[in-house]
Protein backbone atom coordinates (compact mmCIF):
# COMPACT_ATOMS: atom_id res chain seq x y z
CA MET A 1 -64.83 -27.12 -3.31
CA LYS A 2 -61.23 -26.75 -4.54
CA SER A 3 -58.91 -29.68 -4.07
CA PRO A 4 -56.30 -29.11 -1.31
CA ILE A 5 -53.78 -30.86 -3.53
CA LEU A 6 -54.48 -28.44 -6.40
CA MET A 7 -54.20 -25.46 -4.06
CA ASN A 8 -50.85 -26.71 -2.77
CA VAL A 9 -49.61 -27.24 -6.33
CA LYS A 10 -50.61 -23.67 -7.28
CA PHE A 11 -48.96 -22.31 -4.13
CA LEU A 12 -45.74 -24.18 -4.86
CA LEU A 13 -45.86 -22.99 -8.46
CA VAL A 14 -46.16 -19.36 -7.33
CA ILE A 15 -43.22 -19.83 -4.94
CA PHE A 16 -41.19 -21.50 -7.68
CA CYS A 17 -41.90 -18.67 -10.15
CA ALA A 18 -40.96 -16.09 -7.52
CA LEU A 19 -37.67 -17.85 -6.82
CA VAL A 20 -36.88 -18.11 -10.53
CA LEU A 21 -37.70 -14.41 -10.98
CA ASN A 22 -35.57 -13.41 -7.99
CA HIS A 23 -32.69 -15.53 -9.28
CA ALA A 24 -33.02 -13.96 -12.73
CA ASN A 25 -33.13 -10.47 -11.22
CA ALA A 26 -30.08 -11.29 -9.10
CA GLN A 27 -28.24 -12.47 -12.21
CA ILE A 28 -29.21 -9.30 -14.07
CA SER A 29 -28.16 -7.17 -11.08
CA SER A 30 -24.87 -9.07 -10.80
CA PHE A 31 -24.29 -8.61 -14.53
CA ASP A 32 -25.05 -4.87 -14.30
CA ASN A 33 -22.69 -4.46 -11.33
CA GLN A 34 -19.96 -6.40 -13.12
CA LYS A 35 -20.44 -4.16 -16.15
CA LYS A 36 -20.27 -1.07 -13.94
CA ALA A 37 -17.13 -2.32 -12.17
CA LYS A 38 -15.39 -2.88 -15.51
CA SER A 39 -16.53 0.59 -16.64
CA ILE A 40 -15.02 2.15 -13.50
CA GLN A 41 -11.79 0.22 -14.05
CA LYS A 42 -11.63 1.33 -17.68
CA LYS A 43 -12.01 4.99 -16.67
CA ILE A 44 -9.28 4.74 -14.04
CA LEU A 45 -6.89 3.09 -16.51
CA LYS A 46 -7.58 5.85 -19.03
CA ALA A 47 -7.11 8.73 -16.56
CA TYR A 48 -4.23 7.28 -14.51
CA GLU A 49 -1.24 8.55 -16.49
CA LYS A 50 -2.35 12.18 -16.33
CA MET A 51 -3.24 11.81 -12.65
CA LEU A 52 0.26 10.48 -12.00
CA GLN A 53 2.10 13.12 -14.01
CA SER A 54 0.26 15.99 -12.30
CA THR A 55 0.94 14.69 -8.74
CA VAL A 56 4.10 16.13 -7.13
CA ASP A 57 6.19 15.73 -4.00
CA ILE A 58 6.71 18.81 -1.81
CA GLY A 59 9.91 18.98 0.21
CA VAL A 60 8.59 19.30 3.77
CA PRO A 61 11.28 18.16 6.27
CA GLU A 62 10.68 14.89 8.16
CA THR A 63 7.01 14.36 7.25
CA GLY A 64 7.01 14.89 3.48
CA ALA A 65 3.98 16.19 1.59
CA SER A 66 2.22 16.05 -1.77
CA GLY A 67 0.50 18.40 -4.18
CA VAL A 68 -1.04 18.59 -7.63
CA LEU A 69 -0.27 20.75 -10.65
CA ILE A 70 -3.46 22.51 -11.76
CA SER A 71 -2.19 24.83 -14.51
CA GLU A 72 0.21 24.70 -17.41
CA ASP A 73 2.21 27.60 -15.98
CA GLY A 74 2.93 25.83 -12.68
CA TYR A 75 0.31 26.52 -10.01
CA ILE A 76 0.34 23.73 -7.41
CA LEU A 77 -2.57 23.06 -5.07
CA THR A 78 -1.80 21.55 -1.67
CA ALA A 79 -2.95 21.66 1.96
CA ALA A 80 -2.63 24.83 4.03
CA HIS A 81 -0.81 22.93 6.78
CA VAL A 82 1.82 21.94 4.20
CA ILE A 83 2.44 25.59 3.31
CA ALA A 84 2.53 26.47 7.02
CA ALA A 85 5.25 23.84 7.54
CA LEU A 86 7.33 25.53 4.83
CA GLU A 87 7.24 28.73 6.92
CA GLY A 88 6.86 30.90 3.84
CA LYS A 89 10.14 29.68 2.34
CA ASP A 90 10.59 28.41 -1.21
CA SER A 91 10.21 24.64 -1.49
CA GLU A 92 11.85 21.97 -3.62
CA ILE A 93 9.26 20.21 -5.78
CA ARG A 94 9.84 16.80 -7.35
CA LEU A 95 7.82 16.06 -10.44
CA ASN A 96 6.76 12.54 -11.36
CA ASP A 97 9.79 12.04 -13.64
CA GLY A 98 12.17 13.06 -10.85
CA THR A 99 12.79 16.59 -12.15
CA LYS A 100 13.39 19.08 -9.33
CA VAL A 101 12.00 22.62 -9.48
CA THR A 102 11.47 25.39 -6.93
CA ALA A 103 8.08 26.77 -5.88
CA THR A 104 7.05 29.88 -3.98
CA CYS A 105 4.36 29.83 -1.28
CA LEU A 106 1.24 31.84 -2.09
CA GLY A 107 -2.10 32.03 -0.26
CA LYS A 108 -3.79 29.60 2.12
CA ASN A 109 -7.06 29.09 3.98
CA THR A 110 -5.87 28.01 7.39
CA ASN A 111 -8.94 26.22 8.76
CA ALA A 112 -10.37 24.93 5.48
CA ASP A 113 -6.83 23.60 4.85
CA TYR A 114 -6.01 24.40 1.24
CA GLY A 115 -3.28 26.56 -0.27
CA LEU A 116 -1.31 27.41 -3.38
CA LEU A 117 2.29 27.28 -4.59
CA LYS A 118 3.79 28.50 -7.87
CA ILE A 119 6.76 27.01 -9.73
CA LYS A 120 9.44 29.68 -10.28
CA GLU A 121 11.05 28.12 -13.36
CA LYS A 122 9.53 28.80 -16.77
CA GLY A 123 7.95 25.85 -18.50
CA LYS A 124 4.80 24.07 -19.59
CA TRP A 125 3.77 21.54 -16.98
CA VAL A 126 1.42 18.56 -17.20
CA TYR A 127 -1.57 19.45 -15.03
CA ALA A 128 -5.00 18.20 -13.94
CA ASP A 129 -8.23 20.11 -14.51
CA LEU A 130 -10.43 21.16 -11.60
CA GLY A 131 -13.70 19.27 -11.22
CA SER A 132 -16.80 19.93 -9.12
CA SER A 133 -17.25 18.68 -5.56
CA SER A 134 -20.89 19.80 -5.38
CA ASP A 135 -21.88 17.29 -8.09
CA LEU A 136 -20.65 14.26 -6.13
CA VAL A 137 -23.18 11.63 -5.09
CA MET A 138 -23.05 9.00 -2.35
CA ASN A 139 -20.73 6.06 -3.12
CA GLU A 140 -19.34 7.70 -6.25
CA ALA A 141 -15.93 6.18 -7.03
CA CYS A 142 -12.86 8.40 -6.72
CA VAL A 143 -9.08 7.97 -6.77
CA MET A 144 -6.38 9.70 -4.73
CA LEU A 145 -2.63 9.87 -5.29
CA GLY A 146 0.18 10.90 -3.00
CA HIS A 147 3.53 10.00 -1.46
CA PRO A 148 2.63 8.18 1.80
CA GLU A 149 5.15 8.41 4.67
CA VAL A 150 8.04 10.02 2.76
CA TYR A 151 9.10 10.54 -0.84
CA ASP A 152 10.71 7.43 -2.31
CA PRO A 153 12.73 7.94 -5.52
CA ASP A 154 12.19 4.27 -6.37
CA ARG A 155 8.40 4.57 -6.20
CA PRO A 156 5.90 6.83 -8.02
CA ALA A 157 2.91 8.41 -6.27
CA VAL A 158 0.67 5.69 -4.84
CA ALA A 159 -2.90 5.39 -6.19
CA ARG A 160 -5.86 4.36 -4.01
CA ILE A 161 -9.55 3.88 -4.74
CA GLY A 162 -12.41 4.94 -2.49
CA PHE A 163 -16.01 6.08 -2.48
CA TYR A 164 -17.58 9.40 -1.56
CA LYS A 165 -19.32 9.30 1.84
CA GLY A 166 -20.68 12.83 2.31
CA ILE A 167 -19.48 16.31 3.26
CA THR A 168 -19.11 18.10 6.59
CA SER A 169 -21.04 21.29 7.18
CA HIS A 170 -17.75 23.15 6.73
CA GLY A 171 -16.96 21.63 3.37
CA TYR A 172 -14.69 18.66 4.05
CA LEU A 173 -15.35 15.70 1.78
CA LYS A 174 -15.25 12.25 3.38
CA THR A 175 -14.12 9.20 1.37
CA SER A 176 -12.85 5.67 1.88
CA CYS A 177 -9.59 6.44 -0.04
CA ILE A 178 -7.02 5.55 2.61
CA MET A 179 -4.58 8.36 3.53
CA MET A 180 -1.23 8.45 5.30
CA PRO A 181 1.08 11.28 6.44
CA GLY A 182 3.05 12.33 3.37
CA ASP A 183 -0.17 12.30 1.34
CA SER A 184 -1.10 15.70 2.82
CA GLY A 185 -1.92 18.08 -0.02
CA GLY A 186 -2.20 15.27 -2.57
CA PRO A 187 -5.11 15.22 -5.04
CA LEU A 188 -8.45 13.46 -4.88
CA PHE A 189 -9.69 12.83 -8.44
CA ASP A 190 -13.01 11.93 -10.01
CA LEU A 191 -12.89 9.23 -12.68
CA LYS A 192 -12.35 11.80 -15.42
CA GLY A 193 -9.06 12.73 -13.77
CA ARG A 194 -10.31 16.07 -12.43
CA VAL A 195 -9.30 17.33 -8.99
CA ILE A 196 -12.25 17.33 -6.57
CA GLY A 197 -10.44 17.58 -3.21
CA ILE A 198 -7.11 17.84 -1.39
CA CYS A 199 -5.80 15.38 1.23
CA SER A 200 -6.10 16.95 4.67
CA TYR A 201 -6.56 14.67 7.69
CA ILE A 202 -7.70 11.28 8.96
CA LYS A 203 -9.35 9.82 12.04
CA ASP A 204 -8.83 6.41 13.66
CA GLY A 205 -11.10 4.48 11.30
CA ILE A 206 -9.59 3.22 8.03
CA ASN A 207 -12.42 4.90 6.08
CA GLU A 208 -12.23 8.22 7.97
CA ASN A 209 -10.38 10.34 5.39
CA TYR A 210 -11.14 14.03 4.85
CA TYR A 211 -10.47 16.53 2.05
CA PRO A 212 -11.16 20.25 1.49
CA ALA A 213 -13.68 20.45 -1.37
CA ILE A 214 -12.45 21.89 -4.67
CA ASP A 215 -15.47 24.21 -5.02
CA LYS A 216 -14.23 26.18 -1.97
CA VAL A 217 -10.84 26.52 -3.64
CA LYS A 218 -12.38 27.89 -6.83
CA GLU A 219 -14.47 30.40 -4.86
CA ASN A 220 -11.32 31.85 -3.26
CA TRP A 221 -8.89 31.56 -6.18
CA GLU A 222 -7.92 35.25 -6.32
CA ARG A 223 -7.17 35.35 -2.59
CA LEU A 224 -4.88 32.33 -3.01
CA GLU A 225 -3.19 33.77 -6.11
CA TYR A 226 -2.47 37.06 -4.31
CA ALA A 227 -0.80 35.23 -1.40
CA GLU A 228 -3.48 36.06 1.18
CA THR A 229 -3.74 34.05 4.40
CA PHE A 230 -7.36 33.80 5.44
CA TYR A 231 -9.84 31.61 7.24
CA ASP A 232 -13.56 30.86 7.17
CA GLU A 233 -15.75 32.49 9.78
CA ARG A 234 -17.02 29.17 11.14
CA GLN A 235 -14.72 26.48 12.51
CA PRO A 236 -15.09 22.93 11.10
CA ASP A 237 -17.94 20.95 12.66
CA GLU A 238 -16.69 17.46 11.95
CA ALA A 239 -19.68 15.72 13.50
CA SER A 240 -22.27 17.45 11.35
CA PHE A 241 -22.79 16.02 7.87
CA ILE A 242 -24.87 17.25 5.00
CA ASN A 243 -26.52 14.18 3.51
CA ALA A 244 -24.96 13.26 0.21
CA SER A 245 -27.30 12.72 -2.74
CA ILE A 246 -28.13 9.13 -3.64
CA GLU A 247 -28.95 9.90 -7.25
CA SER A 248 -27.78 7.41 -9.83
CA SER A 249 -24.45 7.96 -11.58
CA PRO A 250 -22.36 5.73 -13.83
CA ASP A 251 -19.53 5.92 -11.29
CA VAL A 252 -21.64 5.08 -8.21
CA PHE A 253 -21.19 1.66 -6.64
CA LYS A 254 -23.83 0.73 -4.08
CA GLY A 255 -22.18 -0.11 -0.78
CA GLY A 256 -18.83 1.39 -1.78
CA LYS A 257 -15.92 -0.97 -1.09
CA GLU A 258 -18.23 -3.57 0.46
CA GLY A 259 -20.28 -3.51 -2.73
CA LEU A 260 -17.13 -3.76 -4.81
CA LYS A 261 -16.14 -6.90 -2.89
CA SER A 262 -19.27 -8.61 -4.19
CA MET A 263 -17.95 -8.23 -7.74
CA PHE A 264 -15.21 -10.72 -6.93
CA GLN A 265 -17.50 -13.20 -5.18
CA GLU A 266 -18.42 -15.19 -8.28
CA GLY A 267 -14.84 -15.51 -9.51
CA SER A 268 -13.59 -16.42 -6.03
CA LYS A 269 -15.82 -19.45 -5.37
CA GLU A 270 -13.42 -22.10 -6.68
CA ILE A 271 -10.31 -20.14 -5.71
CA GLY A 272 -11.45 -19.95 -2.07
CA GLU A 273 -11.40 -23.75 -1.97
CA SER A 274 -7.65 -23.55 -2.64
CA VAL A 275 -6.92 -21.35 0.40
CA VAL A 276 -5.69 -23.04 3.61
CA LYS A 277 -4.88 -21.88 7.12
CA ILE A 278 -1.38 -22.65 8.41
CA GLU A 279 -0.39 -22.81 12.07
CA SER A 280 3.21 -23.14 13.27
CA ILE A 281 5.57 -22.22 16.10
CA ILE A 282 8.39 -19.69 15.65
CA ASP A 283 10.63 -18.76 18.62
CA GLY A 284 8.06 -20.20 20.99
CA ASN A 285 5.18 -18.16 19.55
CA LYS A 286 2.21 -19.60 17.69
CA LEU A 287 1.77 -17.90 14.33
CA GLU A 288 -1.03 -18.23 11.81
CA VAL A 289 -0.99 -17.37 8.14
CA TYR A 290 -2.85 -18.32 4.99
CA GLY A 291 -1.49 -20.38 2.15
CA THR A 292 -2.65 -21.21 -1.38
CA LEU A 293 -2.78 -24.68 -2.95
CA ILE A 294 -0.82 -24.62 -6.19
CA ASP A 295 -0.75 -28.31 -7.08
CA SER A 296 -2.99 -31.36 -6.63
CA LYS A 297 -0.02 -33.12 -5.00
CA GLY A 298 -0.62 -30.96 -1.92
CA TYR A 299 1.94 -28.22 -2.52
CA ILE A 300 1.04 -24.96 -0.79
CA ILE A 301 2.72 -21.54 -1.17
CA SER A 302 2.85 -19.04 1.70
CA LYS A 303 4.91 -16.33 3.44
CA SER A 304 8.12 -17.94 4.68
CA SER A 305 8.83 -15.64 7.64
CA ARG A 306 5.48 -16.61 9.21
CA VAL A 307 5.91 -20.38 8.76
CA GLY A 308 8.03 -22.46 11.13
CA GLU A 309 9.20 -26.05 10.69
CA LYS A 310 6.54 -27.80 12.80
CA LEU A 311 3.19 -26.98 11.29
CA LYS A 312 -0.31 -28.07 10.43
CA CYS A 313 -2.83 -26.95 7.85
CA GLN A 314 -6.57 -26.63 7.87
CA LEU A 315 -8.11 -27.27 4.47
CA ASN A 316 -11.25 -25.57 3.21
CA SER A 317 -13.16 -28.76 4.13
CA GLY A 318 -12.20 -28.23 7.78
CA VAL A 319 -9.79 -31.17 7.87
CA SER A 320 -6.51 -30.46 9.74
CA LEU A 321 -3.34 -32.13 8.43
CA ILE A 322 0.30 -32.25 9.41
CA ALA A 323 2.44 -30.52 6.79
CA LYS A 324 6.13 -30.42 6.02
CA VAL A 325 8.36 -27.72 4.58
CA ILE A 326 9.63 -28.57 1.09
CA GLY A 327 11.80 -25.49 0.54
CA ARG A 328 12.14 -21.74 0.96
CA ASP A 329 12.91 -18.80 -1.30
CA GLU A 330 14.26 -16.18 1.11
CA SER A 331 14.60 -13.48 -1.55
CA ASN A 332 10.82 -13.53 -2.08
CA ASP A 333 9.96 -14.62 1.49
CA LEU A 334 8.10 -17.61 0.00
CA VAL A 335 7.86 -21.14 1.33
CA ILE A 336 6.45 -24.32 -0.18
CA ILE A 337 4.88 -26.79 2.23
CA GLN A 338 3.15 -30.07 1.44
CA VAL A 339 0.24 -31.98 2.92
CA GLU A 340 -0.66 -35.60 2.23
CA THR A 341 -4.32 -36.52 2.06
CA ASN A 342 -6.79 -38.75 0.25
CA GLU A 343 -9.06 -35.77 -0.28
CA VAL A 344 -9.37 -34.37 -3.79
CA LEU A 345 -7.47 -31.10 -3.67
CA LYS A 346 -8.38 -28.12 -5.84
CA PRO A 347 -5.34 -25.98 -6.63
CA ILE A 348 -5.61 -22.54 -8.21
CA ALA A 349 -5.22 -22.20 -11.97
CA LEU A 350 -1.76 -20.85 -12.70
CA ASN A 351 -1.26 -18.55 -15.68
CA LYS A 352 2.03 -16.68 -15.81
CA ASN A 353 0.88 -14.43 -18.66
CA MET A 354 -1.51 -12.34 -16.54
CA ASN A 355 -1.88 -8.64 -17.32
CA ILE A 356 -0.81 -6.35 -14.44
CA GLN A 357 -1.28 -2.59 -14.67
CA VAL A 358 -1.98 0.27 -12.30
CA GLY A 359 -5.68 1.05 -12.13
CA GLN A 360 -6.91 -2.55 -12.18
CA LEU A 361 -9.57 -3.44 -9.60
CA LEU A 362 -8.47 -6.33 -7.41
CA GLY A 363 -9.84 -8.70 -4.78
CA THR A 364 -8.16 -10.71 -2.03
CA VAL A 365 -9.67 -14.19 -1.58
CA GLY A 366 -9.91 -15.86 1.81
CA GLN A 367 -10.86 -19.41 2.63
CA GLY A 368 -14.12 -20.75 1.22
CA LYS A 369 -16.31 -18.25 -0.60
CA GLN A 370 -15.05 -15.28 1.38
CA VAL A 371 -13.64 -12.22 -0.40
CA LEU A 372 -11.61 -10.40 2.23
CA TYR A 373 -11.02 -7.09 0.45
CA ALA A 374 -11.42 -5.19 -2.79
CA GLY A 375 -9.11 -2.42 -3.93
CA LEU A 376 -6.84 -0.97 -6.58
CA LEU A 377 -3.49 -1.93 -8.07
CA SER A 378 -1.56 1.11 -6.83
CA VAL A 379 2.02 0.79 -8.11
CA LYS A 380 3.31 -1.41 -10.94
CA PRO A 381 5.64 -4.35 -10.19
CA ARG A 382 9.08 -3.15 -9.06
CA GLU A 383 11.99 -3.97 -6.80
CA VAL A 384 11.37 -2.87 -3.21
CA LEU A 385 14.62 -2.21 -1.43
CA ASN A 386 15.32 -2.46 2.27
CA LYS A 387 15.44 1.17 3.39
CA ASP A 388 16.88 0.36 6.83
CA ARG A 389 20.45 1.56 7.20
CA ALA A 390 23.24 -0.80 8.27
CA TYR A 391 24.80 0.06 11.63
CA PHE A 392 28.06 -0.88 13.37
CA GLY A 393 27.58 0.98 16.62
CA VAL A 394 30.94 2.76 16.83
CA GLU A 395 32.16 6.32 17.05
CA PHE A 396 35.50 7.35 15.54
CA ALA A 397 37.96 9.39 17.59
CA SER A 398 38.95 11.59 14.64
CA SER A 399 38.83 11.75 10.85
CA LYS A 400 41.01 8.63 10.84
CA PRO A 401 39.15 5.29 10.99
CA ILE A 402 40.26 4.63 14.57
CA ILE A 403 37.45 3.59 16.91
CA GLY A 404 36.98 5.91 19.86
CA GLU A 405 33.90 4.26 21.40
CA VAL A 406 32.00 1.00 20.92
CA PHE A 407 28.29 1.16 21.84
CA ASP A 408 26.85 -1.46 24.17
CA GLY A 409 25.00 -4.33 22.53
CA GLU A 410 25.55 -3.17 18.95
CA ALA A 411 27.12 -5.12 16.06
CA ALA A 412 30.71 -3.99 16.68
CA GLU A 413 30.72 -5.04 20.33
CA VAL A 414 29.11 -8.40 19.50
CA ALA A 415 31.87 -9.00 16.92
CA GLY A 416 34.62 -8.15 19.42
CA LEU A 417 35.76 -4.72 18.17
CA VAL A 418 37.22 -2.44 20.86
CA ALA A 419 38.23 1.19 21.27
CA GLY A 420 41.62 1.84 19.63
CA ASP A 421 41.06 -0.57 16.74
CA GLU A 422 41.98 0.98 13.39
CA ILE A 423 39.94 -0.22 10.41
CA LEU A 424 42.22 -0.79 7.40
CA LYS A 425 39.89 -2.58 5.01
CA PHE A 426 36.13 -2.99 4.67
CA ASP A 427 35.31 -6.09 2.59
CA LYS A 428 38.78 -5.85 0.93
CA LYS A 429 38.34 -2.11 0.16
CA ASP A 430 40.92 0.26 1.62
CA VAL A 431 39.59 2.58 4.33
CA GLU A 432 41.74 5.71 4.47
CA ASN A 433 39.39 7.80 6.61
CA ARG A 434 36.01 7.61 8.31
CA GLN A 435 34.22 9.22 5.33
CA ILE A 436 35.27 6.27 3.15
CA PHE A 437 34.11 3.89 5.87
CA TYR A 438 30.67 5.53 5.97
CA SER A 439 30.36 5.61 2.18
CA ILE A 440 30.95 1.82 2.03
CA GLN A 441 28.59 1.25 4.96
CA LYS A 442 25.77 2.97 3.00
CA THR A 443 25.89 0.16 0.42
CA LYS A 444 25.23 -2.50 3.08
CA ARG A 445 22.04 -3.74 4.71
CA PRO A 446 21.11 -4.83 8.24
CA GLY A 447 21.79 -8.53 8.81
CA GLN A 448 24.52 -8.65 6.18
CA LYS A 449 27.87 -10.21 7.14
CA VAL A 450 31.00 -8.18 6.30
CA VAL A 451 34.72 -8.66 6.97
CA LEU A 452 36.91 -5.91 8.42
CA THR A 453 40.69 -5.87 8.43
CA VAL A 454 41.56 -4.31 11.80
CA LEU A 455 44.94 -3.15 13.16
CA ARG A 456 45.20 -3.91 16.90
CA ASN A 457 48.42 -3.74 18.93
CA GLY A 458 50.46 -3.71 15.71
CA GLU A 459 48.80 -6.85 14.31
CA GLU A 460 46.24 -7.16 11.53
CA ASN A 461 43.11 -9.21 12.28
CA GLN A 462 40.20 -10.32 10.12
CA ILE A 463 36.92 -9.77 11.99
CA GLU A 464 33.50 -10.80 10.66
CA VAL A 465 30.65 -8.49 11.67
CA THR A 466 26.91 -9.07 11.27
CA LEU A 467 25.54 -5.60 10.67
CA GLY A 468 22.80 -4.20 12.83
CA LYS A 469 20.00 -1.76 12.06
CA ALA A 470 20.47 1.96 12.57
CA PRO A 471 18.37 3.20 15.50
CA ILE A 472 15.44 5.40 14.55
CA LYS A 473 15.09 8.64 16.45
CA PRO A 474 11.71 8.65 18.22
CA SER A 475 9.20 11.01 16.65
CA GLU A 476 6.53 12.35 18.99
CA TRP A 477 4.11 13.22 16.18
CA LYS A 478 4.39 9.68 14.78
CA GLU A 479 3.74 8.15 18.19
CA ASN A 480 0.55 10.18 18.54
CA HIS A 481 -0.69 9.89 14.95
CA PRO A 482 -3.47 7.33 14.28
CA ALA A 483 -1.94 6.40 10.91
CA PHE A 484 1.00 4.71 12.65
CA ASP A 485 -1.19 2.77 15.07
CA THR A 486 -1.23 -0.28 12.83
CA GLU A 487 0.63 -3.58 12.59
CA GLU A 488 3.07 -4.08 9.73
CA SER A 489 4.68 -7.26 8.47
CA LYS A 490 8.03 -7.99 10.11
CA ARG A 491 9.41 -8.68 6.64
CA LYS A 492 7.83 -5.86 4.65
CA ASP A 493 10.46 -4.97 2.05
CA ASP A 494 13.57 -6.19 0.23
CA PHE A 495 11.62 -7.98 -2.53
CA PRO A 496 12.96 -8.39 -6.09
CA ASN A 497 9.58 -7.75 -7.78
CA VAL A 498 6.22 -6.93 -6.18
CA PHE A 499 3.20 -4.82 -7.06
CA THR A 500 1.48 -2.55 -4.55
CA HIS A 501 -2.24 -2.46 -3.80
CA ASP A 502 -4.44 -0.62 -1.31
CA MET A 503 -6.14 -3.59 0.38
CA SER A 504 -5.38 -3.34 4.11
CA LEU A 505 -4.38 -6.90 4.94
CA MET A 506 -4.06 -8.31 8.42
CA LEU A 507 -0.67 -9.91 9.05
CA ASP A 508 -2.04 -13.48 8.93
CA GLU A 509 -3.72 -12.80 5.57
CA CYS A 510 -0.47 -12.95 3.66
CA GLY A 511 -0.28 -16.02 1.42
CA THR A 512 -3.74 -15.34 0.00
CA PRO A 513 -4.40 -15.06 -3.76
CA VAL A 514 -5.10 -11.71 -5.47
CA ILE A 515 -7.60 -11.85 -8.33
CA ASP A 516 -8.78 -9.51 -11.08
CA LEU A 517 -12.36 -8.81 -12.18
CA ASP A 518 -12.31 -11.89 -14.39
CA GLY A 519 -11.53 -14.13 -11.41
CA GLN A 520 -7.95 -14.81 -12.56
CA VAL A 521 -5.16 -15.06 -9.97
CA ILE A 522 -2.59 -12.37 -10.73
CA GLY A 523 -0.49 -12.58 -7.56
CA ILE A 524 0.04 -13.80 -3.99
CA ASN A 525 -0.07 -11.38 -1.04
CA ILE A 526 3.31 -11.26 0.69
CA ALA A 527 3.43 -8.28 3.11
CA ARG A 528 1.54 -5.44 4.72
CA LYS A 529 3.67 -2.33 4.29
CA ASN A 530 1.62 0.21 6.25
CA ARG A 531 -1.89 1.56 6.71
CA VAL A 532 -2.39 2.22 3.00
CA SER A 533 -0.31 -0.35 1.13
CA ALA A 534 0.37 -4.06 0.83
CA PHE A 535 2.65 -6.00 -1.52
CA ALA A 536 1.87 -8.99 -3.73
CA ILE A 537 4.22 -11.09 -5.85
CA PRO A 538 3.10 -11.39 -9.50
CA ILE A 539 2.00 -14.91 -10.33
CA ALA A 540 4.76 -15.32 -12.95
CA ASP A 541 7.39 -14.67 -10.25
CA VAL A 542 5.62 -17.06 -7.87
CA LEU A 543 5.74 -19.78 -10.52
CA ALA A 544 9.45 -19.17 -11.14
CA SER A 545 10.11 -19.39 -7.40
CA VAL A 546 8.10 -22.61 -7.11
CA GLU A 547 9.95 -24.22 -10.01
CA ASN A 548 13.30 -23.25 -8.48
CA ILE A 549 12.41 -24.69 -5.06
CA LEU A 550 11.03 -27.94 -6.48
CA ASP A 551 14.04 -28.39 -8.78
CA LYS A 552 16.31 -28.26 -5.71
CA HIS A 553 14.02 -30.65 -3.86
């Protein structure tokens, strides 16, 4: 008879060996995935410049649109609904370097939503090759570029990463590359920089993005070239999907973006211990936001406009502490707060010499071991200006700068301006007519204080005005479009230097660290711009801001 003790020992030994084997397999799998993630990143970095140079802006009024050069002699592929919006008229095309050319509308497939333009000027244009949409496999990585919302001369086309999720029975590819109006007609690339689809439409879900497949375009090339308008016999059946292949591919990432998040899990373990939750009251409202420990003395960096004066912090350990504001950097919307505790605090490692380039894979780290998002560095660090126009709220009676009407509740009325006032100077600059007034006004921003010299009843008066924000004309299509049904940061621009990424933050997730594939912190999230983009401040700029605040303190 076998000894029960010996049997138990053997059983435990088997269990132990199984656990060791599983752990080893997990390590091998993790290593393989990390290797694959770095391979995907390397391919994007290599292909990015040509992707960028071939992506163009198409001058569609109000909504904007995008396209992609697909031949040296100037053929541009875009969406059929973009060409329809041009109403058959020539369109102004902006190339990546800002050069403006003119293109003629050619053919389009109206329900498969792809069409063709041709540049009229002679030249040799940087273009992207056409790939194959039929060769795509489930969760294969892809990249899209476009000009979300409207063309911005201060910003290149925005890059986003996603994963292939199948194809409708009518030939629309589905991916998790996040689209926005203005991207319409922009290119979807494989990792060799070849066009595999064209941005067409979205649904409510953040991963519901659809593209006409490039193979359909190639099948009907002559019809497009000869300016034919046509349609497929069968209308799109958006609910019916042909199952995508699950064959292995070097560019496939199991789980798509969720799988990509796991690549940052290892590097985020210690960093997540540095993330805190901050609660404060602003204008009677309770606001929450994250912050990141940057020093063992209890200094925490976060988004200033979401942090009031009376606040408390919850550490990763679960302990809640009263915190105090040390100082603010309004230009970067950063605040430093401090907590006092006997706990051993674990700040992030700060390295101002971090590499930042478009095409890098990134992760956003939450509290503890949680990786909130994974995505792509979309636009290199740059100044992001406030695009809101300054507004006085007056109407001039004639070409002379004499006020005919002051609008209720606007900046001019608040400052005490009245009908009949003649504006002589605007911040010490002579105002000879209303055109000069408007040209000076264009250089100002909402919230800025200016001084007007005003002639009233024969006397000159100095009047300080705090400028308002120009009212935006309601747009019915924007109100009904799912892309605009999303919260944006109240302070979402006017930053001296930020990089853009495609991780769709929630508003309270600002203040979190952004890491690269090596687990190094390269920036701090500062704002959600829109459905497709968020901003982060490079870590070198964060450090400079911190030093400046602490020096004053």
